[in-house]
C-alpha atoms as a PDB file:
ATOM      1  CA  UNK A   1      98.089  70.557  95.831  1.00  0.00           C
ATOM      2  CA  UNK A   2      96.007  73.012  97.849  1.00  0.00           C
ATOM      3  CA  UNK A   3      93.459  71.846 100.384  1.00  0.00           C
ATOM      4  CA  UNK A   4      90.394  74.116 100.608  1.00  0.00           C
ATOM      5  CA  UNK A   5      87.914  74.131 103.614  1.00  0.00           C
ATOM      6  CA  UNK A   6      84.749  76.103 102.973  1.00  0.00           C
ATOM      7  CA  UNK A   7      85.193  75.597  99.224  1.00  0.00           C
ATOM      8  CA  UNK A   8      81.443  75.291  98.684  1.00  0.00           C
ATOM      9  CA  UNK A   9      80.491  78.569 100.376  1.00  0.00           C
ATOM     10  CA  UNK A  10      79.906  82.162  99.447  1.00  0.00           C
ATOM     11  CA  UNK A  11      83.608  83.060  99.103  1.00  0.00           C
ATOM     12  CA  UNK A  12      84.995  79.430  98.923  1.00  0.00           C
ATOM     13  CA  UNK A  13      83.194  78.494  95.753  1.00  0.00           C
ATOM     14  CA  UNK A  14      84.472  81.239  93.419  1.00  0.00           C
ATOM     15  CA  UNK A  15      87.954  80.727  94.992  1.00  0.00           C
ATOM     16  CA  UNK A  16      88.007  77.092  94.266  1.00  0.00           C
ATOM     17  CA  UNK A  17      86.890  77.806  90.655  1.00  0.00           C
ATOM     18  CA  UNK A  18      89.482  80.556  90.357  1.00  0.00           C
ATOM     19  CA  UNK A  19      92.248  78.083  91.367  1.00  0.00           C
ATOM     20  CA  UNK A  20      90.839  75.314  89.178  1.00  0.00           C
ATOM     21  CA  UNK A  21      90.999  77.683  86.316  1.00  0.00           C
ATOM     22  CA  UNK A  22      94.690  78.155  86.960  1.00  0.00           C
ATOM     23  CA  UNK A  23      95.017  74.266  86.688  1.00  0.00           C
ATOM     24  CA  UNK A  24      95.973  74.211  90.433  1.00  0.00           C
ATOM     25  CA  UNK A  25      95.391  70.644  91.890  1.00  0.00           C
ATOM     26  CA  UNK A  26      92.711  70.786  94.561  1.00  0.00           C
ATOM     27  CA  UNK A  27      91.534  68.837  97.423  1.00  0.00           C
ATOM     28  CA  UNK A  28      87.975  70.127  98.649  1.00  0.00           C
ATOM     29  CA  UNK A  29      86.961  69.346 102.199  1.00  0.00           C
ATOM     30  CA  UNK A  30      83.268  69.014 101.562  1.00  0.00           C
ATOM     31  CA  UNK A  31      80.793  68.956 104.552  1.00  0.00           C
ATOM     32  CA  UNK A  32      77.119  69.568 103.540  1.00  0.00           C
ATOM     33  CA  UNK A  33      76.878  71.541 100.284  1.00  0.00           C
ATOM     34  CA  UNK A  34      77.777  70.135  96.902  1.00  0.00           C
ATOM     35  CA  UNK A  35      80.845  71.734  95.172  1.00  0.00           C
ATOM     36  CA  UNK A  36      80.344  74.102  92.252  1.00  0.00           C
ATOM     37  CA  UNK A  37      83.151  71.987  90.576  1.00  0.00           C
ATOM     38  CA  UNK A  38      81.712  68.786  89.106  1.00  0.00           C
ATOM     39  CA  UNK A  39      82.842  65.549  90.652  1.00  0.00           C
ATOM     40  CA  UNK A  40      85.416  63.854  88.549  1.00  0.00           C
ATOM     41  CA  UNK A  41      87.074  67.073  87.225  1.00  0.00           C
ATOM     42  CA  UNK A  42      90.702  66.521  86.490  1.00  0.00           C
ATOM     43  CA  UNK A  43      92.902  67.746  89.218  1.00  0.00           C
ATOM     44  CA  UNK A  44      90.316  68.044  91.826  1.00  0.00           C
ATOM     45  CA  UNK A  45      89.692  65.722  94.733  1.00  0.00           C
ATOM     46  CA  UNK A  46      86.556  65.750  96.984  1.00  0.00           C
ATOM     47  CA  UNK A  47      87.023  64.668 100.651  1.00  0.00           C
ATOM     48  CA  UNK A  48      84.055  64.383 103.163  1.00  0.00           C
ATOM     49  CA  UNK A  49      85.065  65.854 106.461  1.00  0.00           C
ATOM     50  CA  UNK A  50      83.802  67.945 109.397  1.00  0.00           C
ATOM     51  CA  UNK A  51      85.908  70.470 111.339  1.00  0.00           C
ATOM     52  CA  UNK A  52      84.208  69.507 114.479  1.00  0.00           C
ATOM     53  CA  UNK A  53      85.065  65.889 114.076  1.00  0.00           C
ATOM     54  CA  UNK A  54      88.984  65.771 114.241  1.00  0.00           C
ATOM     55  CA  UNK A  55      89.073  62.029 113.124  1.00  0.00           C
ATOM     56  CA  UNK A  56      87.451  63.057 109.747  1.00  0.00           C
ATOM     57  CA  UNK A  57      90.291  65.221 109.006  1.00  0.00           C
ATOM     58  CA  UNK A  58      92.766  62.449 109.151  1.00  0.00           C
ATOM     59  CA  UNK A  59      94.943  62.284 105.973  1.00  0.00           C
ATOM     60  CA  UNK A  60      93.274  65.476 104.538  1.00  0.00           C
ATOM     61  CA  UNK A  61      96.638  67.264 104.434  1.00  0.00           C
ATOM     62  CA  UNK A  62      98.703  64.230 102.975  1.00  0.00           C
ATOM     63  CA  UNK A  63     100.509  65.533  99.936  1.00  0.00           C
ATOM     64  CA  UNK A  64      99.179  69.063 100.293  1.00  0.00           C
ATOM     65  CA  UNK A  65     101.477  72.158  99.727  1.00  0.00           C
ATOM     66  CA  UNK A  66      99.156  74.901 101.165  1.00  0.00           C
ATOM     67  CA  UNK A  67      96.108  74.787 103.404  1.00  0.00           C
ATOM     68  CA  UNK A  68      93.413  77.409 102.440  1.00  0.00           C
ATOM     69  CA  UNK A  69      91.003  77.563 105.451  1.00  0.00           C
ATOM     70  CA  UNK A  70      87.868  79.445 104.376  1.00  0.00           C
ATOM     71  CA  UNK A  71      85.347  77.651 106.438  1.00  0.00           C
ATOM     72  CA  UNK A  72      83.821  79.502 109.303  1.00  0.00           C
ATOM     73  CA  UNK A  73      80.673  79.719 111.522  1.00  0.00           C
ATOM     74  CA  UNK A  74      79.208  83.116 111.532  1.00  0.00           C
ATOM     75  CA  UNK A  75      76.109  82.747 113.655  1.00  0.00           C
ATOM     76  CA  UNK A  76      75.489  84.059 117.109  1.00  0.00           C
ATOM     77  CA  UNK A  77      75.749  80.775 118.874  1.00  0.00           C
ATOM     78  CA  UNK A  78      78.955  81.059 120.972  1.00  0.00           C
ATOM     79  CA  UNK A  79      79.273  77.418 121.507  1.00  0.00           C
ATOM     80  CA  UNK A  80      78.885  76.458 117.780  1.00  0.00           C
ATOM     81  CA  UNK A  81      81.332  79.282 116.790  1.00  0.00           C
ATOM     82  CA  UNK A  82      83.876  78.024 119.301  1.00  0.00           C
ATOM     83  CA  UNK A  83      83.426  74.364 118.055  1.00  0.00           C
ATOM     84  CA  UNK A  84      83.989  75.381 114.316  1.00  0.00           C
ATOM     85  CA  UNK A  85      86.155  78.442 114.441  1.00  0.00           C
ATOM     86  CA  UNK A  86      88.429  77.598 117.497  1.00  0.00           C
ATOM     87  CA  UNK A  87      88.496  73.878 117.915  1.00  0.00           C
ATOM     88  CA  UNK A  88      87.993  73.046 114.148  1.00  0.00           C
ATOM     89  CA  UNK A  89      90.823  75.345 113.249  1.00  0.00           C
ATOM     90  CA  UNK A  90      93.235  73.965 115.860  1.00  0.00           C
ATOM     91  CA  UNK A  91      92.306  70.377 114.722  1.00  0.00           C
ATOM     92  CA  UNK A  92      93.053  71.442 111.101  1.00  0.00           C
ATOM     93  CA  UNK A  93      96.311  73.037 112.112  1.00  0.00           C
ATOM     94  CA  UNK A  94      97.334  69.880 113.968  1.00  0.00           C
ATOM     95  CA  UNK A  95      96.536  67.729 110.979  1.00  0.00           C
ATOM     96  CA  UNK A  96      98.536  70.048 108.753  1.00  0.00           C
ATOM     97  CA  UNK A  97     101.460  69.992 111.013  1.00  0.00           C
ATOM     98  CA  UNK A  98     101.339  66.243 111.286  1.00  0.00           C
ATOM     99  CA  UNK A  99     101.556  66.132 107.474  1.00  0.00           C
ATOM    100  CA  UNK A 100     104.542  68.553 107.341  1.00  0.00           C
ATOM    101  CA  UNK A 101     102.461  71.387 105.698  1.00  0.00           C
ATOM    102  CA  UNK A 102     103.871  74.780 106.689  1.00  0.00           C
ATOM    103  CA  UNK A 103     101.799  77.218 104.476  1.00  0.00           C
ATOM    104  CA  UNK A 104      98.359  78.066 105.833  1.00  0.00           C
ATOM    105  CA  UNK A 105      96.047  80.842 104.983  1.00  0.00           C
ATOM    106  CA  UNK A 106      92.996  81.687 107.012  1.00  0.00           C
ATOM    107  CA  UNK A 107      90.009  83.881 105.879  1.00  0.00           C
ATOM    108  CA  UNK A 108      88.940  85.900 108.975  1.00  0.00           C
ATOM    109  CA  UNK A 109      87.110  89.242 109.072  1.00  0.00           C
ATOM    110  CA  UNK A 110      87.912  92.933 109.945  1.00  0.00           C
ATOM    111  CA  UNK A 111      85.011  92.707 112.444  1.00  0.00           C
ATOM    112  CA  UNK A 112      87.685  91.338 114.848  1.00  0.00           C
ATOM    113  CA  UNK A 113      88.581  95.137 115.467  1.00  0.00           C
ATOM    114  CA  UNK A 114      85.106  95.438 117.144  1.00  0.00           C
ATOM    115  CA  UNK A 115      83.772  98.932 118.042  1.00  0.00           C
ATOM    116  CA  UNK A 116      87.349 100.477 117.923  1.00  0.00           C
ATOM    117  CA  UNK A 117      87.848  99.252 114.388  1.00  0.00           C
ATOM    118  CA  UNK A 118      86.510 102.283 112.630  1.00  0.00           C
ATOM    119  CA  UNK A 119      89.267 104.739 113.184  1.00  0.00           C
ATOM    120  CA  UNK A 120      89.407 108.004 114.970  1.00  0.00           C
ATOM    121  CA  UNK A 121      86.028 109.457 113.702  1.00  0.00           C
ATOM    122  CA  UNK A 122      82.389 109.262 115.062  1.00  0.00           C
ATOM    123  CA  UNK A 123      79.382 108.594 113.141  1.00  0.00           C
ATOM    124  CA  UNK A 124      80.101 109.337 109.491  1.00  0.00           C
ATOM    125  CA  UNK A 125      83.367 110.950 110.273  1.00  0.00           C
ATOM    126  CA  UNK A 126      86.458 110.796 108.122  1.00  0.00           C
ATOM    127  CA  UNK A 127      90.027 110.814 109.191  1.00  0.00           C
ATOM    128  CA  UNK A 128      91.007 107.196 109.382  1.00  0.00           C
ATOM    129  CA  UNK A 129      94.782 106.271 109.529  1.00  0.00           C
ATOM    130  CA  UNK A 130      97.291 108.102 107.451  1.00  0.00           C
ATOM    131  CA  UNK A 131      95.758 110.385 104.961  1.00  0.00           C
ATOM    132  CA  UNK A 132      92.133 108.982 105.490  1.00  0.00           C
ATOM    133  CA  UNK A 133      92.908 105.870 103.449  1.00  0.00           C
ATOM    134  CA  UNK A 134      91.846 103.583 106.273  1.00  0.00           C
ATOM    135  CA  UNK A 135      93.381 101.620 109.181  1.00  0.00           C
ATOM    136  CA  UNK A 136      96.507  99.704 108.224  1.00  0.00           C
ATOM    137  CA  UNK A 137      96.810  96.002 109.480  1.00  0.00           C
ATOM    138  CA  UNK A 138      96.700  96.025 113.206  1.00  0.00           C
ATOM    139  CA  UNK A 139      96.882  99.734 113.643  1.00  0.00           C
ATOM    140  CA  UNK A 140      94.307  99.268 116.392  1.00  0.00           C
ATOM    141  CA  UNK A 141      94.143  96.479 118.795  1.00  0.00           C
ATOM    142  CA  UNK A 142      91.417  93.837 117.941  1.00  0.00           C
ATOM    143  CA  UNK A 143      88.483  93.920 120.366  1.00  0.00           C
ATOM    144  CA  UNK A 144      85.771  91.738 118.874  1.00  0.00           C
ATOM    145  CA  UNK A 145      82.186  92.047 120.111  1.00  0.00           C
ATOM    146  CA  UNK A 146      80.353  89.031 118.612  1.00  0.00           C
ATOM    147  CA  UNK A 147      80.634  85.346 118.998  1.00  0.00           C
ATOM    148  CA  UNK A 148      81.801  84.923 115.389  1.00  0.00           C
ATOM    149  CA  UNK A 149      84.458  87.655 115.459  1.00  0.00           C
ATOM    150  CA  UNK A 150      85.730  86.566 118.900  1.00  0.00           C
ATOM    151  CA  UNK A 151      86.156  82.974 118.040  1.00  0.00           C
ATOM    152  CA  UNK A 152      87.633  83.843 114.430  1.00  0.00           C
ATOM    153  CA  UNK A 153      90.262  86.121 116.234  1.00  0.00           C
ATOM    154  CA  UNK A 154      91.308  83.110 118.318  1.00  0.00           C
ATOM    155  CA  UNK A 155      91.451  81.064 115.025  1.00  0.00           C
ATOM    156  CA  UNK A 156      93.671  83.696 113.602  1.00  0.00           C
ATOM    157  CA  UNK A 157      96.184  83.407 116.426  1.00  0.00           C
ATOM    158  CA  UNK A 158      96.392  79.678 115.882  1.00  0.00           C
ATOM    159  CA  UNK A 159      97.193  80.381 112.164  1.00  0.00           C
ATOM    160  CA  UNK A 160      99.634  83.214 112.821  1.00  0.00           C
ATOM    161  CA  UNK A 161     101.584  81.129 115.281  1.00  0.00           C
ATOM    162  CA  UNK A 162     102.342  78.626 112.429  1.00  0.00           C
ATOM    163  CA  UNK A 163     103.549  81.600 110.244  1.00  0.00           C
ATOM    164  CA  UNK A 164     100.297  81.466 108.314  1.00  0.00           C
ATOM    165  CA  UNK A 165      98.627  84.329 106.290  1.00  0.00           C
ATOM    166  CA  UNK A 166      95.325  85.933 107.693  1.00  0.00           C
ATOM    167  CA  UNK A 167      92.951  87.780 105.377  1.00  0.00           C
ATOM    168  CA  UNK A 168      90.475  90.330 106.892  1.00  0.00           C
ATOM    169  CA  UNK A 169      87.820  91.577 104.637  1.00  0.00           C
ATOM    170  CA  UNK A 170      84.809  93.764 106.163  1.00  0.00           C
ATOM    171  CA  UNK A 171      81.772  93.771 103.910  1.00  0.00           C
ATOM    172  CA  UNK A 172      81.816  91.301 101.071  1.00  0.00           C
ATOM    173  CA  UNK A 173      79.043  91.385  98.285  1.00  0.00           C
ATOM    174  CA  UNK A 174      78.099  89.596  95.213  1.00  0.00           C
ATOM    175  CA  UNK A 175      76.355  86.362  94.193  1.00  0.00           C
ATOM    176  CA  UNK A 176      75.628  84.315  97.339  1.00  0.00           C
ATOM    177  CA  UNK A 177      75.657  87.221  99.628  1.00  0.00           C
ATOM    178  CA  UNK A 178      72.786  86.611 102.089  1.00  0.00           C
ATOM    179  CA  UNK A 179      73.848  89.192 104.584  1.00  0.00           C
ATOM    180  CA  UNK A 180      75.255  92.657 103.515  1.00  0.00           C
ATOM    181  CA  UNK A 181      73.259  93.879 100.688  1.00  0.00           C
ATOM    182  CA  UNK A 182      69.972  92.090 101.500  1.00  0.00           C
ATOM    183  CA  UNK A 183      70.287  93.339 105.213  1.00  0.00           C
ATOM    184  CA  UNK A 184      70.887  96.811 104.158  1.00  0.00           C
ATOM    185  CA  UNK A 185      68.035  96.574 101.541  1.00  0.00           C
ATOM    186  CA  UNK A 186      65.619  95.212 104.136  1.00  0.00           C
ATOM    187  CA  UNK A 187      66.537  97.901 106.588  1.00  0.00           C
ATOM    188  CA  UNK A 188      65.911 100.554 104.040  1.00  0.00           C
ATOM    189  CA  UNK A 189      62.554  99.008 103.299  1.00  0.00           C
ATOM    190  CA  UNK A 190      61.512  99.055 106.928  1.00  0.00           C
ATOM    191  CA  UNK A 191      63.092 102.375 107.713  1.00  0.00           C
ATOM    192  CA  UNK A 192      63.339 104.529 104.422  1.00  0.00           C
ATOM    193  CA  UNK A 193      65.876 106.855 106.025  1.00  0.00           C
ATOM    194  CA  UNK A 194      69.393 107.905 105.794  1.00  0.00           C
ATOM    195  CA  UNK A 195      71.500 108.440 108.899  1.00  0.00           C
ATOM    196  CA  UNK A 196      73.598 111.626 109.262  1.00  0.00           C
ATOM    197  CA  UNK A 197      73.408 112.272 105.615  1.00  0.00           C
ATOM    198  CA  UNK A 198      74.736 108.794 104.763  1.00  0.00           C
ATOM    199  CA  UNK A 199      78.269 110.082 105.202  1.00  0.00           C
ATOM    200  CA  UNK A 200      79.610 106.921 106.807  1.00  0.00           C
ATOM    201  CA  UNK A 201      82.264 105.264 104.654  1.00  0.00           C
ATOM    202  CA  UNK A 202      82.496 101.374 104.363  1.00  0.00           C
ATOM    203  CA  UNK A 203      85.352  99.136 102.899  1.00  0.00           C
ATOM    204  CA  UNK A 204      83.625  96.811 100.642  1.00  0.00           C
ATOM    205  CA  UNK A 205      85.044  94.116  98.351  1.00  0.00           C
ATOM    206  CA  UNK A 206      83.246  92.242  95.509  1.00  0.00           C
ATOM    207  CA  UNK A 207      83.354  88.351  95.994  1.00  0.00           C
ATOM    208  CA  UNK A 208      84.964  87.870  92.597  1.00  0.00           C
ATOM    209  CA  UNK A 209      87.744  90.214  93.385  1.00  0.00           C
ATOM    210  CA  UNK A 210      88.380  88.654  96.763  1.00  0.00           C
ATOM    211  CA  UNK A 211      88.313  85.222  95.262  1.00  0.00           C
ATOM    212  CA  UNK A 212      90.933  86.116  92.648  1.00  0.00           C
ATOM    213  CA  UNK A 213      93.175  87.757  95.462  1.00  0.00           C
ATOM    214  CA  UNK A 214      92.773  84.582  97.663  1.00  0.00           C
ATOM    215  CA  UNK A 215      93.605  82.360  94.762  1.00  0.00           C
ATOM    216  CA  UNK A 216      96.852  84.535  93.991  1.00  0.00           C
ATOM    217  CA  UNK A 217      97.989  84.521  97.647  1.00  0.00           C
ATOM    218  CA  UNK A 218      97.503  80.712  97.654  1.00  0.00           C
ATOM    219  CA  UNK A 219      99.817  80.049  94.763  1.00  0.00           C
ATOM    220  CA  UNK A 220     102.221  82.910  95.655  1.00  0.00           C
ATOM    221  CA  UNK A 221     105.734  81.874  96.697  1.00  0.00           C
ATOM    222  CA  UNK A 222     105.580  83.419 100.284  1.00  0.00           C
ATOM    223  CA  UNK A 223     107.290  81.711 103.159  1.00  0.00           C
ATOM    224  CA  UNK A 224     105.871  81.036 106.620  1.00  0.00           C
ATOM    225  CA  UNK A 225     106.011  84.172 108.751  1.00  0.00           C
ATOM    226  CA  UNK A 226     106.605  86.416 105.779  1.00  0.00           C
ATOM    227  CA  UNK A 227     103.162  88.030 105.184  1.00  0.00           C
ATOM    228  CA  UNK A 228     100.934  88.082 108.375  1.00  0.00           C
ATOM    229  CA  UNK A 229      97.673  89.933 108.289  1.00  0.00           C
ATOM    230  CA  UNK A 230      96.285  91.505 105.105  1.00  0.00           C
ATOM    231  CA  UNK A 231      93.093  93.520 104.805  1.00  0.00           C
ATOM    232  CA  UNK A 232      90.851  92.639 101.946  1.00  0.00           C
ATOM    233  CA  UNK A 233      89.222  96.071 101.103  1.00  0.00           C
ATOM    234  CA  UNK A 234      88.739  97.939  97.824  1.00  0.00           C
ATOM    235  CA  UNK A 235      91.030 101.046  97.592  1.00  0.00           C
ATOM    236  CA  UNK A 236      88.110 103.353  97.400  1.00  0.00           C
ATOM    237  CA  UNK A 237      85.561 103.259 100.400  1.00  0.00           C
ATOM    238  CA  UNK A 238      81.873 103.638  99.588  1.00  0.00           C
ATOM    239  CA  UNK A 239      79.685 106.173 101.435  1.00  0.00           C
ATOM    240  CA  UNK A 240      76.295 104.747 102.748  1.00  0.00           C
ATOM    241  CA  UNK A 241      74.670 107.438 100.673  1.00  0.00           C
ATOM    242  CA  UNK A 242      76.352 105.945  97.625  1.00  0.00           C
ATOM    243  CA  UNK A 243      75.283 102.412  98.736  1.00  0.00           C
ATOM    244  CA  UNK A 244      71.716 103.635  99.212  1.00  0.00           C
ATOM    245  CA  UNK A 245      71.638 105.237  95.792  1.00  0.00           C
ATOM    246  CA  UNK A 246      72.825 102.063  94.115  1.00  0.00           C
ATOM    247  CA  UNK A 247      70.307  99.910  95.866  1.00  0.00           C
ATOM    248  CA  UNK A 248      67.427 102.342  94.772  1.00  0.00           C
ATOM    249  CA  UNK A 249      68.918 102.352  91.215  1.00  0.00           C
ATOM    250  CA  UNK A 250      69.453  98.539  90.843  1.00  0.00           C
ATOM    251  CA  UNK A 251      67.523  96.593  93.413  1.00  0.00           C
ATOM    252  CA  UNK A 252      64.178  98.587  93.394  1.00  0.00           C
ATOM    253  CA  UNK A 253      64.584  99.636  96.980  1.00  0.00           C
ATOM    254  CA  UNK A 254      62.363 102.713  97.756  1.00  0.00           C
ATOM    255  CA  UNK A 255      64.350 105.958  98.159  1.00  0.00           C
ATOM    256  CA  UNK A 256      64.757 107.414 101.664  1.00  0.00           C
ATOM    257  CA  UNK A 257      62.024 109.681 102.739  1.00  0.00           C
ATOM    258  CA  UNK A 258      64.083 111.704 105.265  1.00  0.00           C
ATOM    259  CA  UNK A 259      67.328 111.965 107.066  1.00  0.00           C
ATOM    260  CA  UNK A 260      67.642 111.322 110.830  1.00  0.00           C
ATOM    261  CA  UNK A 261      70.439 111.524 113.337  1.00  0.00           C
ATOM    262  CA  UNK A 262      72.087 108.430 114.715  1.00  0.00           C
ATOM    263  CA  UNK A 263      70.185 108.821 118.031  1.00  0.00           C
ATOM    264  CA  UNK A 264      66.871 108.996 116.160  1.00  0.00           C
ATOM    265  CA  UNK A 265      67.826 105.897 114.200  1.00  0.00           C
ATOM    266  CA  UNK A 266      68.439 104.117 117.510  1.00  0.00           C
ATOM    267  CA  UNK A 267      64.979 105.010 118.592  1.00  0.00           C
ATOM    268  CA  UNK A 268      63.578 103.490 115.371  1.00  0.00           C
ATOM    269  CA  UNK A 269      65.225 100.178 115.744  1.00  0.00           C
ATOM    270  CA  UNK A 270      64.217  99.643 119.285  1.00  0.00           C
ATOM    271  CA  UNK A 271      66.024  97.391 121.711  1.00  0.00           C
ATOM    272  CA  UNK A 272      66.793  94.469 119.332  1.00  0.00           C
ATOM    273  CA  UNK A 273      70.501  93.777 119.875  1.00  0.00           C
ATOM    274  CA  UNK A 274      70.991  92.363 116.380  1.00  0.00           C
ATOM    275  CA  UNK A 275      69.458  95.408 114.686  1.00  0.00           C
ATOM    276  CA  UNK A 276      71.470  97.786 116.869  1.00  0.00           C
ATOM    277  CA  UNK A 277      74.648  96.117 115.813  1.00  0.00           C
ATOM    278  CA  UNK A 278      73.597  96.402 112.228  1.00  0.00           C
ATOM    279  CA  UNK A 279      72.881 100.040 112.821  1.00  0.00           C
ATOM    280  CA  UNK A 280      76.381 100.526 114.265  1.00  0.00           C
ATOM    281  CA  UNK A 281      77.776  98.876 111.156  1.00  0.00           C
ATOM    282  CA  UNK A 282      76.193 101.156 108.634  1.00  0.00           C
ATOM    283  CA  UNK A 283      76.150 104.356 110.658  1.00  0.00           C
ATOM    284  CA  UNK A 284      79.891 104.463 111.398  1.00  0.00           C
ATOM    285  CA  UNK A 285      82.979 104.436 109.279  1.00  0.00           C
ATOM    286  CA  UNK A 286      84.647 101.064 108.640  1.00  0.00           C
ATOM    287  CA  UNK A 287      87.576 101.811 106.421  1.00  0.00           C
ATOM    288  CA  UNK A 288      90.577  99.622 106.048  1.00  0.00           C
ATOM    289  CA  UNK A 289      93.745 100.040 103.990  1.00  0.00           C
ATOM    290  CA  UNK A 290      93.815  97.087 101.612  1.00  0.00           C
ATOM    291  CA  UNK A 291      96.895  98.172  99.463  1.00  0.00           C
ATOM    292  CA  UNK A 292      99.169  95.541 100.636  1.00  0.00           C
ATOM    293  CA  UNK A 293      96.872  92.794  99.343  1.00  0.00           C
ATOM    294  CA  UNK A 294      96.500  94.349  95.830  1.00  0.00           C
ATOM    295  CA  UNK A 295     100.117  95.095  95.509  1.00  0.00           C
ATOM    296  CA  UNK A 296     101.131  91.579  96.464  1.00  0.00           C
ATOM    297  CA  UNK A 297      98.613  89.795  94.166  1.00  0.00           C
ATOM    298  CA  UNK A 298      98.520  92.166  91.149  1.00  0.00           C
ATOM    299  CA  UNK A 299      94.685  91.954  91.260  1.00  0.00           C
ATOM    300  CA  UNK A 300      92.816  95.066  90.113  1.00  0.00           C
ATOM    301  CA  UNK A 301      89.493  95.148  91.837  1.00  0.00           C
ATOM    302  CA  UNK A 302      86.531  96.560  89.722  1.00  0.00           C
ATOM    303  CA  UNK A 303      84.625  99.583  91.220  1.00  0.00           C
ATOM    304  CA  UNK A 304      81.509  99.190  93.356  1.00  0.00           C
ATOM    305  CA  UNK A 305      79.098 100.611  90.724  1.00  0.00           C
ATOM    306  CA  UNK A 306      80.463  98.318  88.041  1.00  0.00           C
ATOM    307  CA  UNK A 307      80.374  95.273  90.183  1.00  0.00           C
ATOM    308  CA  UNK A 308      76.716  95.893  91.551  1.00  0.00           C
ATOM    309  CA  UNK A 309      75.330  96.566  88.201  1.00  0.00           C
ATOM    310  CA  UNK A 310      76.706  93.115  87.108  1.00  0.00           C
ATOM    311  CA  UNK A 311      75.257  91.376  90.215  1.00  0.00           C
ATOM    312  CA  UNK A 312      71.959  93.205  90.206  1.00  0.00           C
ATOM    313  CA  UNK A 313      69.935  90.461  88.545  1.00  0.00           C
ATOM    314  CA  UNK A 314      71.083  87.693  90.824  1.00  0.00           C
ATOM    315  CA  UNK A 315      70.442  89.924  93.853  1.00  0.00           C
ATOM    316  CA  UNK A 316      66.987  90.799  92.579  1.00  0.00           C
ATOM    317  CA  UNK A 317      66.070  87.067  92.098  1.00  0.00           C
ATOM    318  CA  UNK A 318      67.460  85.965  95.420  1.00  0.00           C
ATOM    319  CA  UNK A 319      65.719  88.772  97.292  1.00  0.00           C
ATOM    320  CA  UNK A 320      62.469  88.031  95.570  1.00  0.00           C
ATOM    321  CA  UNK A 321      62.743  84.380  96.430  1.00  0.00           C
ATOM    322  CA  UNK A 322      63.471  85.159 100.037  1.00  0.00           C
ATOM    323  CA  UNK A 323      60.393  87.531 100.242  1.00  0.00           C
ATOM    324  CA  UNK A 324      58.211  84.709  98.803  1.00  0.00           C
ATOM    325  CA  UNK A 325      59.624  82.283 101.406  1.00  0.00           C
ATOM    326  CA  UNK A 326      58.533  84.732 104.176  1.00  0.00           C
ATOM    327  CA  UNK A 327      55.021  84.912 102.782  1.00  0.00           C
ATOM    328  CA  UNK A 328      54.760  81.059 102.705  1.00  0.00           C
END
């Protein structure tokens, strides 16, 4: 049996479905949102629990073979992030150890590398790691800059101390994405420009490919301490110019009117720290070598253009609904 936290979320829901399709017995720790797997489905248990309330986790790991910890707080509130990501993870680890569970997997983020996590180049530069294929796992020292990434790095360490596996995706897109593609589309609508020719390269992963990889790792026969950290990144990074072209083609985003330098873009976004951080994310290379994950799992991730074309209808509907809510 596999215990899943965050199994109702953006990444957790398709992962739970992928495991259920394999016939893997599941126990879902459910907090607020309903599961995509109907109650009463054979081999699937629902358990109410809250990572910030350790007593609610009592018994959650009894009879469990592997803990798959996908829940996280990704907001800007440091206290809330610490409560969920740090204290909640420690409480889950303690409960797993109490039940004798030795296999644990944690979904983190490549954002733990912080401002040093985009290799040796500057804005839009190449030359990352060996042969330009991206930073390999822990090639640079993590130096997170946000509340979410700082606390998730602490959670990583708690998991790795048990011999667990840590997965680090950077930008995840697909059905349920309310941050990456919508944020980029919104920025292009407000500021229809490219930055330094859109040369910056980004490591993306489609949520369905990531879910299949997580499910494969969960049922893999690895032993504690054997795997460590794995990047979850498509083998081929995508330039911001390619991203922009795809959004214009599939999501009705207006095409850029001009190209600006990074310094000019900073002047456009003003002093808003959140927008400045978003600007840094899309104006600089973030390329990670995910080859170990794909070799280990045997999953063959689809190309960005193919995936976005398949997701376009759901993105358009979700973004139209968001715009309508803003008007109301």
